[in-house]
Amino acid sequence: MTVYDPVFVLFAAAAFALGALPFGRWIGLVAGRVDVTRRGSGNIGATNVARELGLQWGALTLALDVMKGFIPVFLISLYCPESRAGEVLVGLCALTGDQFSMFVGFKGGKGVATALGVCLAAAPVQALMALSVFVFVAGLSGFVSLGSIIAACSLPLFFAVTGMPPLWIAGSVFMAGLICFRHKGNIRRLKKGTERRWRKSKDWGLRRKAQDKEKTKPA
């Protein structure tokens, strides 16, 4: 199958549409009647959902966002196991769908969880290596954003040293670039020293509960 095959075009379109599903926003609206695009950082990703609604809802968002990347790449690899170009492009479609979702004004998430899903389907060992980098950096620094950026940038290196096909190395570079681009606001705040640390968010999901309780107090 080539990238000009109608079946591939269907896969690519479906991957973008799946990636564009704003699970974080929907979970916020259903579970807590909160539009996370208007709360906290305004992002629809797992971190903001966890801060506004609680860790359990953030974990659900994370799992669903990972699956958005994993499913299309896994399916294209089953349909055409020899098409590296197909896997890479379908993975990038899922990632860009998440980052520029038509359901939220082409804004979307940061793409980290979806990129993890893409890599888990294509190269699980290298994906887990990058995930370990994220855990180490985020745990040491306290910044989820910094861990995400460094983990994304480490992925091409892991792909290269473990002998991944050149197309996947190039694709990982592009994914890292997209993730860094979507973190440009975080990078500015990191430079200014105003980025929020996750350790300071011990009240994950409690701010909304406190606000709701305040509203219900008699005048």
N, C-alpha and C. Protein backbone atom coordinates (compact mmCIF):
# COMPACT_ATOMS: atom_id res chain seq x y z
N MET A 1 0.84 -1.19 0.00
CA MET A 1 0.00 0.00 0.00
C MET A 1 0.88 1.25 0.00
N THR A 2 0.57 2.20 -0.86
CA THR A 2 1.29 3.46 -0.91
C THR A 2 0.45 4.54 -0.23
N VAL A 3 1.09 5.68 -0.01
CA VAL A 3 0.37 6.78 0.64
C VAL A 3 -0.71 7.36 -0.27
N TYR A 4 -0.72 6.94 -1.55
CA TYR A 4 -1.74 7.42 -2.47
C TYR A 4 -2.92 6.45 -2.57
N ASP A 5 -2.80 5.33 -1.89
CA ASP A 5 -3.87 4.33 -1.89
C ASP A 5 -5.10 4.89 -1.18
N PRO A 6 -6.31 4.70 -1.75
CA PRO A 6 -7.53 5.22 -1.10
C PRO A 6 -7.71 4.69 0.32
N VAL A 7 -7.29 3.44 0.56
CA VAL A 7 -7.42 2.88 1.90
C VAL A 7 -6.53 3.65 2.88
N PHE A 8 -5.32 4.01 2.44
CA PHE A 8 -4.44 4.77 3.31
C PHE A 8 -5.04 6.14 3.61
N VAL A 9 -5.61 6.78 2.58
CA VAL A 9 -6.24 8.09 2.79
C VAL A 9 -7.35 7.97 3.83
N LEU A 10 -8.11 6.86 3.76
CA LEU A 10 -9.17 6.63 4.75
C LEU A 10 -8.58 6.45 6.14
N PHE A 11 -7.49 5.68 6.25
CA PHE A 11 -6.82 5.50 7.53
C PHE A 11 -6.35 6.84 8.09
N ALA A 12 -5.73 7.65 7.23
CA ALA A 12 -5.19 8.94 7.67
C ALA A 12 -6.30 9.87 8.16
N ALA A 13 -7.40 9.91 7.40
CA ALA A 13 -8.52 10.76 7.79
C ALA A 13 -9.14 10.28 9.10
N ALA A 14 -9.28 8.96 9.24
CA ALA A 14 -9.85 8.41 10.47
C ALA A 14 -8.93 8.67 11.66
N ALA A 15 -7.62 8.58 11.43
CA ALA A 15 -6.66 8.85 12.51
C ALA A 15 -6.75 10.30 12.97
N PHE A 16 -6.86 11.23 12.03
CA PHE A 16 -6.99 12.64 12.39
C PHE A 16 -8.28 12.87 13.17
N ALA A 17 -9.38 12.27 12.69
CA ALA A 17 -10.67 12.45 13.36
C ALA A 17 -10.65 11.86 14.77
N LEU A 18 -10.04 10.68 14.92
CA LEU A 18 -9.93 10.06 16.24
C LEU A 18 -9.06 10.91 17.16
N GLY A 19 -7.93 11.39 16.64
CA GLY A 19 -7.06 12.24 17.43
C GLY A 19 -7.72 13.53 17.86
N ALA A 20 -8.66 14.00 17.05
CA ALA A 20 -9.31 15.28 17.34
C ALA A 20 -10.37 15.20 18.43
N LEU A 21 -10.76 13.99 18.81
CA LEU A 21 -11.81 13.86 19.83
C LEU A 21 -11.33 14.46 21.15
N PRO A 22 -12.00 15.50 21.64
CA PRO A 22 -11.52 16.19 22.86
C PRO A 22 -12.04 15.52 24.13
N PHE A 23 -11.49 14.36 24.43
CA PHE A 23 -11.98 13.60 25.57
C PHE A 23 -11.89 14.40 26.87
N GLY A 24 -10.81 15.15 27.03
CA GLY A 24 -10.66 15.92 28.25
C GLY A 24 -11.79 16.91 28.46
N ARG A 25 -12.18 17.58 27.41
CA ARG A 25 -13.27 18.54 27.53
C ARG A 25 -14.59 17.84 27.81
N TRP A 26 -14.84 16.75 27.10
CA TRP A 26 -16.09 16.01 27.32
C TRP A 26 -16.17 15.44 28.72
N ILE A 27 -15.07 14.92 29.22
CA ILE A 27 -15.06 14.39 30.59
C ILE A 27 -15.36 15.51 31.58
N GLY A 28 -14.77 16.69 31.36
CA GLY A 28 -15.04 17.82 32.23
C GLY A 28 -16.50 18.20 32.24
N LEU A 29 -17.12 18.23 31.06
CA LEU A 29 -18.52 18.64 30.96
C LEU A 29 -19.45 17.60 31.57
N VAL A 30 -19.13 16.32 31.39
CA VAL A 30 -20.01 15.27 31.89
C VAL A 30 -19.78 15.00 33.37
N ALA A 31 -18.52 14.89 33.78
CA ALA A 31 -18.21 14.50 35.15
C ALA A 31 -18.35 15.64 36.15
N GLY A 32 -18.04 16.85 35.71
CA GLY A 32 -18.06 17.94 36.67
C GLY A 32 -18.73 19.21 36.19
N ARG A 33 -19.37 19.13 35.01
CA ARG A 33 -20.01 20.32 34.43
C ARG A 33 -19.05 21.49 34.37
N VAL A 34 -17.81 21.17 34.00
CA VAL A 34 -16.75 22.17 33.91
C VAL A 34 -16.18 22.14 32.49
N ASP A 35 -16.08 23.30 31.87
CA ASP A 35 -15.42 23.41 30.57
C ASP A 35 -13.94 23.69 30.83
N VAL A 36 -13.11 22.66 30.68
CA VAL A 36 -11.69 22.83 31.03
C VAL A 36 -10.98 23.79 30.08
N THR A 37 -11.58 24.10 28.95
CA THR A 37 -10.96 25.09 28.06
C THR A 37 -11.08 26.50 28.64
N ARG A 38 -11.92 26.65 29.67
CA ARG A 38 -12.10 27.95 30.31
C ARG A 38 -11.63 27.96 31.76
N ARG A 39 -10.97 26.87 32.15
CA ARG A 39 -10.50 26.76 33.54
C ARG A 39 -9.02 26.39 33.55
N GLY A 40 -8.33 26.78 34.60
CA GLY A 40 -6.92 26.44 34.74
C GLY A 40 -6.09 26.95 33.58
N SER A 41 -5.34 26.04 32.97
CA SER A 41 -4.49 26.41 31.83
C SER A 41 -5.28 26.53 30.54
N GLY A 42 -6.54 26.08 30.56
CA GLY A 42 -7.35 26.10 29.34
C GLY A 42 -7.08 24.94 28.41
N ASN A 43 -6.19 24.04 28.82
CA ASN A 43 -5.83 22.89 27.97
C ASN A 43 -6.77 21.73 28.24
N ILE A 44 -6.99 20.89 27.21
CA ILE A 44 -7.90 19.76 27.35
C ILE A 44 -7.19 18.48 27.74
N GLY A 45 -5.90 18.57 28.07
CA GLY A 45 -5.11 17.40 28.40
C GLY A 45 -5.31 16.91 29.82
N ALA A 46 -4.66 15.79 30.13
CA ALA A 46 -4.85 15.12 31.41
C ALA A 46 -4.44 15.97 32.60
N THR A 47 -3.37 16.76 32.46
CA THR A 47 -2.89 17.55 33.60
C THR A 47 -3.92 18.56 34.05
N ASN A 48 -4.49 19.30 33.10
CA ASN A 48 -5.49 20.30 33.46
C ASN A 48 -6.77 19.67 33.97
N VAL A 49 -7.16 18.54 33.37
CA VAL A 49 -8.36 17.84 33.84
C VAL A 49 -8.15 17.37 35.28
N ALA A 50 -6.97 16.83 35.58
CA ALA A 50 -6.68 16.37 36.93
C ALA A 50 -6.72 17.52 37.93
N ARG A 51 -6.18 18.66 37.53
CA ARG A 51 -6.16 19.81 38.44
C ARG A 51 -7.57 20.31 38.72
N GLU A 52 -8.43 20.29 37.71
CA GLU A 52 -9.76 20.86 37.86
C GLU A 52 -10.79 19.87 38.40
N LEU A 53 -10.61 18.58 38.11
CA LEU A 53 -11.64 17.60 38.48
C LEU A 53 -11.15 16.51 39.43
N GLY A 54 -9.85 16.25 39.45
CA GLY A 54 -9.33 15.19 40.29
C GLY A 54 -8.48 14.22 39.50
N LEU A 55 -7.62 13.51 40.21
CA LEU A 55 -6.66 12.62 39.56
C LEU A 55 -7.33 11.50 38.77
N GLN A 56 -8.47 10.98 39.26
CA GLN A 56 -9.10 9.87 38.57
C GLN A 56 -9.58 10.28 37.18
N TRP A 57 -10.08 11.50 37.05
CA TRP A 57 -10.54 11.97 35.74
C TRP A 57 -9.36 12.32 34.85
N GLY A 58 -8.29 12.80 35.45
CA GLY A 58 -7.08 13.04 34.68
C GLY A 58 -6.50 11.75 34.14
N ALA A 59 -6.53 10.68 34.96
CA ALA A 59 -6.03 9.38 34.52
C ALA A 59 -6.88 8.82 33.39
N LEU A 60 -8.19 9.01 33.47
CA LEU A 60 -9.06 8.55 32.38
C LEU A 60 -8.77 9.30 31.10
N THR A 61 -8.59 10.61 31.21
CA THR A 61 -8.24 11.42 30.03
C THR A 61 -6.92 10.96 29.44
N LEU A 62 -5.95 10.70 30.28
CA LEU A 62 -4.64 10.24 29.82
C LEU A 62 -4.77 8.93 29.05
N ALA A 63 -5.51 7.98 29.60
CA ALA A 63 -5.67 6.68 28.95
C ALA A 63 -6.35 6.82 27.59
N LEU A 64 -7.39 7.63 27.52
CA LEU A 64 -8.11 7.81 26.25
C LEU A 64 -7.24 8.52 25.23
N ASP A 65 -6.46 9.51 25.66
CA ASP A 65 -5.58 10.22 24.73
C ASP A 65 -4.46 9.32 24.21
N VAL A 66 -3.96 8.43 25.06
CA VAL A 66 -2.96 7.46 24.60
C VAL A 66 -3.56 6.55 23.53
N MET A 67 -4.78 6.10 23.76
CA MET A 67 -5.43 5.20 22.81
C MET A 67 -5.69 5.88 21.47
N LYS A 68 -5.88 7.19 21.48
CA LYS A 68 -6.07 7.92 20.21
C LYS A 68 -4.87 7.77 19.29
N GLY A 69 -3.69 7.66 19.87
CA GLY A 69 -2.49 7.47 19.06
C GLY A 69 -2.21 6.01 18.78
N PHE A 70 -2.50 5.15 19.77
CA PHE A 70 -2.17 3.74 19.65
C PHE A 70 -3.03 3.03 18.60
N ILE A 71 -4.33 3.23 18.65
CA ILE A 71 -5.26 2.46 17.81
C ILE A 71 -4.98 2.60 16.31
N PRO A 72 -4.90 3.83 15.76
CA PRO A 72 -4.69 3.92 14.31
C PRO A 72 -3.37 3.34 13.83
N VAL A 73 -2.28 3.54 14.60
CA VAL A 73 -0.98 3.00 14.19
C VAL A 73 -0.99 1.48 14.29
N PHE A 74 -1.59 0.95 15.34
CA PHE A 74 -1.69 -0.50 15.49
C PHE A 74 -2.49 -1.11 14.34
N LEU A 75 -3.59 -0.49 13.97
CA LEU A 75 -4.43 -1.03 12.90
C LEU A 75 -3.74 -0.96 11.54
N ILE A 76 -3.06 0.15 11.24
CA ILE A 76 -2.38 0.26 9.95
C ILE A 76 -1.22 -0.73 9.88
N SER A 77 -0.60 -1.02 11.03
CA SER A 77 0.50 -2.00 11.03
C SER A 77 -0.02 -3.41 10.79
N LEU A 78 -1.25 -3.69 11.20
CA LEU A 78 -1.86 -4.99 10.92
C LEU A 78 -2.27 -5.09 9.46
N TYR A 79 -2.83 -4.01 8.94
CA TYR A 79 -3.32 -4.01 7.56
C TYR A 79 -2.17 -4.06 6.56
N CYS A 80 -1.12 -3.31 6.85
CA CYS A 80 0.03 -3.27 5.93
C CYS A 80 1.32 -3.21 6.75
N PRO A 81 1.78 -4.37 7.25
CA PRO A 81 2.93 -4.39 8.17
C PRO A 81 4.24 -3.91 7.57
N GLU A 82 4.35 -3.82 6.25
CA GLU A 82 5.60 -3.41 5.62
C GLU A 82 5.65 -1.92 5.31
N SER A 83 4.54 -1.21 5.55
CA SER A 83 4.48 0.20 5.16
C SER A 83 4.90 1.10 6.32
N ARG A 84 6.19 1.39 6.41
CA ARG A 84 6.68 2.31 7.45
C ARG A 84 6.15 3.72 7.21
N ALA A 85 6.10 4.13 5.94
CA ALA A 85 5.58 5.47 5.63
C ALA A 85 4.13 5.59 6.08
N GLY A 86 3.35 4.52 5.87
CA GLY A 86 1.95 4.55 6.30
C GLY A 86 1.83 4.69 7.80
N GLU A 87 2.64 3.94 8.55
CA GLU A 87 2.59 4.02 10.01
C GLU A 87 2.95 5.43 10.50
N VAL A 88 4.02 5.97 9.94
CA VAL A 88 4.48 7.29 10.38
C VAL A 88 3.44 8.36 10.08
N LEU A 89 2.91 8.35 8.87
CA LEU A 89 1.96 9.40 8.49
C LEU A 89 0.64 9.26 9.23
N VAL A 90 0.18 8.03 9.44
CA VAL A 90 -1.04 7.84 10.22
C VAL A 90 -0.82 8.30 11.66
N GLY A 91 0.35 7.99 12.22
CA GLY A 91 0.66 8.46 13.56
C GLY A 91 0.69 9.98 13.65
N LEU A 92 1.27 10.61 12.66
CA LEU A 92 1.31 12.08 12.65
C LEU A 92 -0.08 12.68 12.49
N CYS A 93 -0.94 12.00 11.73
CA CYS A 93 -2.33 12.48 11.59
C CYS A 93 -3.05 12.43 12.92
N ALA A 94 -2.86 11.34 13.68
CA ALA A 94 -3.48 11.24 14.99
C ALA A 94 -2.96 12.34 15.92
N LEU A 95 -1.65 12.58 15.87
CA LEU A 95 -1.04 13.60 16.74
C LEU A 95 -1.55 14.99 16.40
N THR A 96 -1.54 15.34 15.11
CA THR A 96 -2.00 16.67 14.73
C THR A 96 -3.50 16.84 14.96
N GLY A 97 -4.25 15.73 14.86
CA GLY A 97 -5.67 15.81 15.20
C GLY A 97 -5.86 16.19 16.65
N ASP A 98 -5.04 15.61 17.54
CA ASP A 98 -5.13 15.95 18.96
C ASP A 98 -4.72 17.40 19.21
N GLN A 99 -3.66 17.83 18.55
CA GLN A 99 -3.13 19.17 18.81
C GLN A 99 -3.93 20.29 18.16
N PHE A 100 -4.60 19.97 17.07
CA PHE A 100 -5.35 20.99 16.33
C PHE A 100 -6.75 20.47 16.03
N SER A 101 -7.47 20.18 17.11
CA SER A 101 -8.79 19.57 17.00
C SER A 101 -9.83 20.54 16.45
N MET A 102 -10.58 20.08 15.44
CA MET A 102 -11.63 20.93 14.88
C MET A 102 -12.81 21.08 15.84
N PHE A 103 -12.84 20.24 16.89
CA PHE A 103 -13.94 20.32 17.85
C PHE A 103 -13.74 21.42 18.89
N VAL A 104 -12.52 21.94 19.00
CA VAL A 104 -12.25 23.01 19.96
C VAL A 104 -11.51 24.17 19.27
N GLY A 105 -11.98 24.52 18.10
CA GLY A 105 -11.42 25.67 17.39
C GLY A 105 -10.00 25.47 16.91
N PHE A 106 -9.64 24.23 16.57
CA PHE A 106 -8.30 23.89 16.07
C PHE A 106 -7.20 24.27 17.06
N LYS A 107 -7.51 24.13 18.36
CA LYS A 107 -6.51 24.37 19.40
C LYS A 107 -6.02 23.04 19.96
N GLY A 108 -6.88 22.31 20.65
CA GLY A 108 -6.53 20.97 21.09
C GLY A 108 -5.56 20.89 22.24
N GLY A 109 -4.92 19.71 22.37
CA GLY A 109 -4.01 19.46 23.48
C GLY A 109 -2.56 19.64 23.10
N LYS A 110 -1.69 19.21 24.00
CA LYS A 110 -0.25 19.34 23.75
C LYS A 110 0.29 18.16 22.94
N GLY A 111 -0.45 17.06 22.91
CA GLY A 111 -0.07 15.94 22.06
C GLY A 111 0.83 14.91 22.71
N VAL A 112 1.21 15.10 23.97
CA VAL A 112 2.18 14.20 24.60
C VAL A 112 1.61 12.80 24.76
N ALA A 113 0.40 12.68 25.31
CA ALA A 113 -0.19 11.37 25.53
C ALA A 113 -0.47 10.66 24.21
N THR A 114 -0.95 11.40 23.22
CA THR A 114 -1.24 10.80 21.92
C THR A 114 0.04 10.33 21.24
N ALA A 115 1.11 11.13 21.35
CA ALA A 115 2.40 10.72 20.80
C ALA A 115 2.91 9.46 21.50
N LEU A 116 2.68 9.36 22.81
CA LEU A 116 3.06 8.16 23.54
C LEU A 116 2.33 6.95 22.98
N GLY A 117 1.04 7.11 22.69
CA GLY A 117 0.27 6.02 22.11
C GLY A 117 0.79 5.60 20.75
N VAL A 118 1.14 6.59 19.92
CA VAL A 118 1.72 6.31 18.60
C VAL A 118 2.98 5.47 18.74
N CYS A 119 3.85 5.87 19.65
CA CYS A 119 5.14 5.19 19.81
C CYS A 119 4.99 3.83 20.49
N LEU A 120 4.01 3.70 21.39
CA LEU A 120 3.77 2.39 22.00
C LEU A 120 3.35 1.36 20.96
N ALA A 121 2.61 1.81 19.94
CA ALA A 121 2.18 0.90 18.88
C ALA A 121 3.33 0.55 17.95
N ALA A 122 4.22 1.51 17.68
CA ALA A 122 5.29 1.31 16.70
C ALA A 122 6.58 0.80 17.32
N ALA A 123 6.91 1.29 18.51
CA ALA A 123 8.20 0.96 19.14
C ALA A 123 8.03 1.03 20.65
N PRO A 124 7.41 0.02 21.26
CA PRO A 124 7.09 0.08 22.69
C PRO A 124 8.29 0.24 23.61
N VAL A 125 9.41 -0.39 23.27
CA VAL A 125 10.59 -0.28 24.12
C VAL A 125 11.09 1.16 24.16
N GLN A 126 11.23 1.76 22.97
CA GLN A 126 11.70 3.15 22.89
C GLN A 126 10.70 4.10 23.54
N ALA A 127 9.41 3.81 23.40
CA ALA A 127 8.38 4.64 24.03
C ALA A 127 8.52 4.60 25.55
N LEU A 128 8.78 3.43 26.10
CA LEU A 128 8.95 3.31 27.54
C LEU A 128 10.24 3.98 28.01
N MET A 129 11.26 3.98 27.15
CA MET A 129 12.49 4.70 27.49
C MET A 129 12.21 6.20 27.60
N ALA A 130 11.46 6.73 26.64
CA ALA A 130 11.10 8.16 26.68
C ALA A 130 10.20 8.45 27.88
N LEU A 131 9.30 7.52 28.18
CA LEU A 131 8.42 7.70 29.34
C LEU A 131 9.23 7.75 30.63
N SER A 132 10.28 6.93 30.72
CA SER A 132 11.13 6.96 31.91
C SER A 132 11.85 8.29 32.04
N VAL A 133 12.21 8.90 30.91
CA VAL A 133 12.82 10.22 30.93
C VAL A 133 11.83 11.25 31.48
N PHE A 134 10.58 11.15 31.02
CA PHE A 134 9.55 12.05 31.51
C PHE A 134 9.38 11.93 33.02
N VAL A 135 9.27 10.70 33.50
CA VAL A 135 9.06 10.47 34.94
C VAL A 135 10.23 11.02 35.74
N PHE A 136 11.44 10.80 35.26
CA PHE A 136 12.62 11.27 35.97
C PHE A 136 12.67 12.80 36.01
N VAL A 137 12.49 13.45 34.84
CA VAL A 137 12.60 14.91 34.78
C VAL A 137 11.46 15.58 35.52
N ALA A 138 10.23 15.10 35.30
CA ALA A 138 9.09 15.70 35.98
C ALA A 138 9.17 15.49 37.48
N GLY A 139 9.62 14.31 37.89
CA GLY A 139 9.75 14.04 39.32
C GLY A 139 10.84 14.86 39.97
N LEU A 140 11.94 15.06 39.26
CA LEU A 140 13.07 15.81 39.81
C LEU A 140 12.80 17.31 39.84
N SER A 141 12.22 17.81 38.74
CA SER A 141 12.02 19.26 38.62
C SER A 141 10.68 19.73 39.17
N GLY A 142 9.69 18.85 39.14
CA GLY A 142 8.35 19.25 39.54
C GLY A 142 7.54 19.85 38.41
N PHE A 143 8.11 19.89 37.20
CA PHE A 143 7.40 20.48 36.06
C PHE A 143 6.99 19.39 35.07
N VAL A 144 5.69 19.20 34.91
CA VAL A 144 5.19 18.25 33.92
C VAL A 144 5.58 18.69 32.52
N SER A 145 5.50 19.98 32.26
CA SER A 145 5.82 20.50 30.93
C SER A 145 7.27 20.24 30.56
N LEU A 146 8.19 20.47 31.49
CA LEU A 146 9.61 20.24 31.23
C LEU A 146 9.88 18.76 30.96
N GLY A 147 9.26 17.90 31.75
CA GLY A 147 9.40 16.47 31.52
C GLY A 147 8.89 16.06 30.16
N SER A 148 7.77 16.66 29.73
CA SER A 148 7.18 16.34 28.43
C SER A 148 8.10 16.78 27.29
N ILE A 149 8.65 17.97 27.40
CA ILE A 149 9.51 18.52 26.34
C ILE A 149 10.78 17.69 26.21
N ILE A 150 11.44 17.41 27.33
CA ILE A 150 12.69 16.67 27.26
C ILE A 150 12.45 15.23 26.81
N ALA A 151 11.37 14.62 27.26
CA ALA A 151 11.05 13.26 26.83
C ALA A 151 10.80 13.22 25.33
N ALA A 152 10.05 14.20 24.82
CA ALA A 152 9.78 14.25 23.38
C ALA A 152 11.07 14.41 22.58
N CYS A 153 11.96 15.26 23.08
CA CYS A 153 13.23 15.50 22.37
C CYS A 153 14.18 14.31 22.48
N SER A 154 14.00 13.48 23.51
CA SER A 154 14.85 12.30 23.66
C SER A 154 14.44 11.16 22.72
N LEU A 155 13.20 11.21 22.26
CA LEU A 155 12.69 10.10 21.45
C LEU A 155 13.47 9.87 20.16
N PRO A 156 13.77 10.92 19.38
CA PRO A 156 14.58 10.68 18.17
C PRO A 156 15.93 10.04 18.47
N LEU A 157 16.53 10.42 19.58
CA LEU A 157 17.81 9.82 19.97
C LEU A 157 17.65 8.34 20.26
N PHE A 158 16.60 7.98 21.01
CA PHE A 158 16.36 6.57 21.30
C PHE A 158 16.06 5.79 20.03
N PHE A 159 15.31 6.40 19.12
CA PHE A 159 15.01 5.74 17.85
C PHE A 159 16.30 5.50 17.05
N ALA A 160 17.17 6.50 17.05
CA ALA A 160 18.40 6.40 16.25
C ALA A 160 19.35 5.34 16.80
N VAL A 161 19.57 5.36 18.13
CA VAL A 161 20.57 4.45 18.70
C VAL A 161 20.08 3.00 18.74
N THR A 162 18.76 2.80 18.62
CA THR A 162 18.23 1.43 18.64
C THR A 162 17.94 0.90 17.24
N GLY A 163 18.31 1.67 16.22
CA GLY A 163 18.20 1.17 14.86
C GLY A 163 16.82 1.20 14.24
N MET A 164 15.98 2.13 14.67
CA MET A 164 14.66 2.28 14.05
C MET A 164 14.83 2.73 12.60
N PRO A 165 13.85 2.41 11.73
CA PRO A 165 13.94 2.84 10.33
C PRO A 165 14.05 4.36 10.21
N PRO A 166 14.77 4.85 9.20
CA PRO A 166 14.95 6.30 9.02
C PRO A 166 13.63 7.08 8.99
N LEU A 167 12.59 6.48 8.40
CA LEU A 167 11.30 7.18 8.36
C LEU A 167 10.75 7.43 9.76
N TRP A 168 10.94 6.47 10.65
CA TRP A 168 10.46 6.66 12.02
C TRP A 168 11.32 7.66 12.78
N ILE A 169 12.61 7.68 12.50
CA ILE A 169 13.48 8.68 13.14
C ILE A 169 13.05 10.08 12.71
N ALA A 170 12.82 10.24 11.41
CA ALA A 170 12.36 11.54 10.90
C ALA A 170 11.00 11.89 11.48
N GLY A 171 10.11 10.90 11.56
CA GLY A 171 8.79 11.15 12.13
C GLY A 171 8.86 11.55 13.59
N SER A 172 9.78 10.94 14.34
CA SER A 172 9.92 11.29 15.76
C SER A 172 10.46 12.70 15.93
N VAL A 173 11.33 13.12 15.02
CA VAL A 173 11.82 14.51 15.05
C VAL A 173 10.67 15.48 14.83
N PHE A 174 9.82 15.15 13.87
CA PHE A 174 8.67 16.00 13.58
C PHE A 174 7.70 16.03 14.77
N MET A 175 7.49 14.86 15.39
CA MET A 175 6.61 14.81 16.57
C MET A 175 7.18 15.66 17.70
N ALA A 176 8.49 15.55 17.93
CA ALA A 176 9.12 16.35 18.99
C ALA A 176 8.97 17.83 18.71
N GLY A 177 9.13 18.22 17.43
CA GLY A 177 8.96 19.62 17.07
C GLY A 177 7.55 20.13 17.32
N LEU A 178 6.55 19.30 16.98
CA LEU A 178 5.16 19.68 17.21
C LEU A 178 4.86 19.82 18.70
N ILE A 179 5.39 18.90 19.49
CA ILE A 179 5.15 18.95 20.93
C ILE A 179 5.82 20.18 21.55
N CYS A 180 7.03 20.49 21.12
CA CYS A 180 7.71 21.70 21.61
C CYS A 180 6.94 22.95 21.20
N PHE A 181 6.42 22.95 19.97
CA PHE A 181 5.65 24.10 19.50
C PHE A 181 4.40 24.31 20.35
N ARG A 182 3.72 23.22 20.70
CA ARG A 182 2.51 23.34 21.51
C ARG A 182 2.84 23.70 22.96
N HIS A 183 4.10 23.57 23.34
CA HIS A 183 4.52 23.95 24.70
C HIS A 183 5.19 25.32 24.73
N LYS A 184 5.03 26.11 23.70
CA LYS A 184 5.76 27.39 23.64
C LYS A 184 5.38 28.30 24.81
N GLY A 185 4.12 28.28 25.22
CA GLY A 185 3.73 29.07 26.38
C GLY A 185 4.38 28.58 27.65
N ASN A 186 4.47 27.26 27.80
CA ASN A 186 5.14 26.69 28.97
C ASN A 186 6.62 27.04 28.98
N ILE A 187 7.23 27.03 27.79
CA ILE A 187 8.66 27.36 27.70
C ILE A 187 8.89 28.81 28.14
N ARG A 188 8.00 29.71 27.73
CA ARG A 188 8.12 31.11 28.16
C ARG A 188 8.00 31.22 29.69
N ARG A 189 7.04 30.48 30.25
CA ARG A 189 6.85 30.55 31.71
C ARG A 189 8.01 29.90 32.46
N LEU A 190 8.57 28.85 31.89
CA LEU A 190 9.75 28.23 32.51
C LEU A 190 10.91 29.22 32.55
N LYS A 191 11.09 29.98 31.47
CA LYS A 191 12.17 30.96 31.42
C LYS A 191 11.94 32.09 32.44
N LYS A 192 10.67 32.47 32.62
CA LYS A 192 10.34 33.55 33.54
C LYS A 192 10.25 33.09 34.99
N GLY A 193 10.20 31.77 35.17
CA GLY A 193 10.06 31.23 36.52
C GLY A 193 8.64 31.26 37.04
N THR A 194 7.66 31.32 36.13
CA THR A 194 6.26 31.40 36.56
C THR A 194 5.48 30.13 36.25
N GLU A 195 6.16 29.10 35.73
CA GLU A 195 5.47 27.84 35.42
C GLU A 195 5.06 27.14 36.71
N ARG A 196 3.87 26.54 36.70
CA ARG A 196 3.36 25.86 37.89
C ARG A 196 4.01 24.48 38.05
N ARG A 197 4.39 24.15 39.27
CA ARG A 197 4.92 22.82 39.57
C ARG A 197 3.76 21.91 39.95
N TRP A 198 3.87 20.66 39.55
CA TRP A 198 2.79 19.74 39.89
C TRP A 198 2.76 19.45 41.38
N ARG A 199 3.90 19.55 42.07
CA ARG A 199 3.91 19.28 43.50
C ARG A 199 3.08 20.30 44.28
N LYS A 200 2.91 21.48 43.72
CA LYS A 200 2.14 22.51 44.40
C LYS A 200 0.65 22.33 44.18
N SER A 201 0.28 21.32 43.40
CA SER A 201 -1.13 21.08 43.12
C SER A 201 -1.63 19.89 43.93
N LYS A 202 -1.37 19.91 45.24
CA LYS A 202 -1.81 18.81 46.10
C LYS A 202 -3.33 18.80 46.23
N ASP A 203 -3.95 19.90 45.87
CA ASP A 203 -5.40 19.98 45.95
C ASP A 203 -6.02 19.69 44.58
N TRP A 204 -5.44 18.72 43.83
CA TRP A 204 -5.96 18.40 42.50
C TRP A 204 -7.46 18.16 42.56
N GLY A 205 -8.18 18.94 41.79
CA GLY A 205 -9.61 18.76 41.71
C GLY A 205 -10.38 19.38 42.86
N LEU A 206 -9.69 19.89 43.88
CA LEU A 206 -10.38 20.41 45.05
C LEU A 206 -10.79 21.86 44.90
N ARG A 207 -10.11 22.60 44.00
CA ARG A 207 -10.45 24.02 43.84
C ARG A 207 -11.90 24.18 43.40
N ARG A 208 -12.32 23.36 42.46
CA ARG A 208 -13.69 23.46 41.98
C ARG A 208 -14.67 23.11 43.09
N LYS A 209 -14.35 22.07 43.90
CA LYS A 209 -15.24 21.68 44.99
C LYS A 209 -15.38 22.82 45.99
N ALA A 210 -14.26 23.49 46.28
CA ALA A 210 -14.31 24.62 47.21
C ALA A 210 -15.14 25.77 46.66
N GLN A 211 -14.99 26.00 45.34
CA GLN A 211 -15.75 27.08 44.71
C GLN A 211 -17.24 26.75 44.71
N ASP A 212 -17.58 25.49 44.42
CA ASP A 212 -18.98 25.08 44.42
C ASP A 212 -19.59 25.18 45.81
N LYS A 213 -18.78 24.81 46.84
CA LYS A 213 -19.26 24.90 48.22
C LYS A 213 -19.52 26.34 48.61
N GLU A 214 -18.64 27.24 48.14
CA GLU A 214 -18.78 28.65 48.44
C GLU A 214 -20.08 29.20 47.83
N LYS A 215 -20.38 28.72 46.62
CA LYS A 215 -21.59 29.20 45.95
C LYS A 215 -22.88 28.77 46.67
N THR A 216 -22.81 27.60 47.34
CA THR A 216 -24.01 27.07 47.98
C THR A 216 -24.25 27.63 49.37
N LYS A 217 -23.28 28.41 49.90
CA LYS A 217 -23.47 29.00 51.21
C LYS A 217 -24.60 30.02 51.18
N PRO A 218 -25.44 30.04 52.23
CA PRO A 218 -26.54 31.03 52.27
C PRO A 218 -26.00 32.43 52.36
N ALA A 219 -26.68 33.36 51.74
CA ALA A 219 -26.22 34.75 51.73
C ALA A 219 -26.44 35.39 53.10
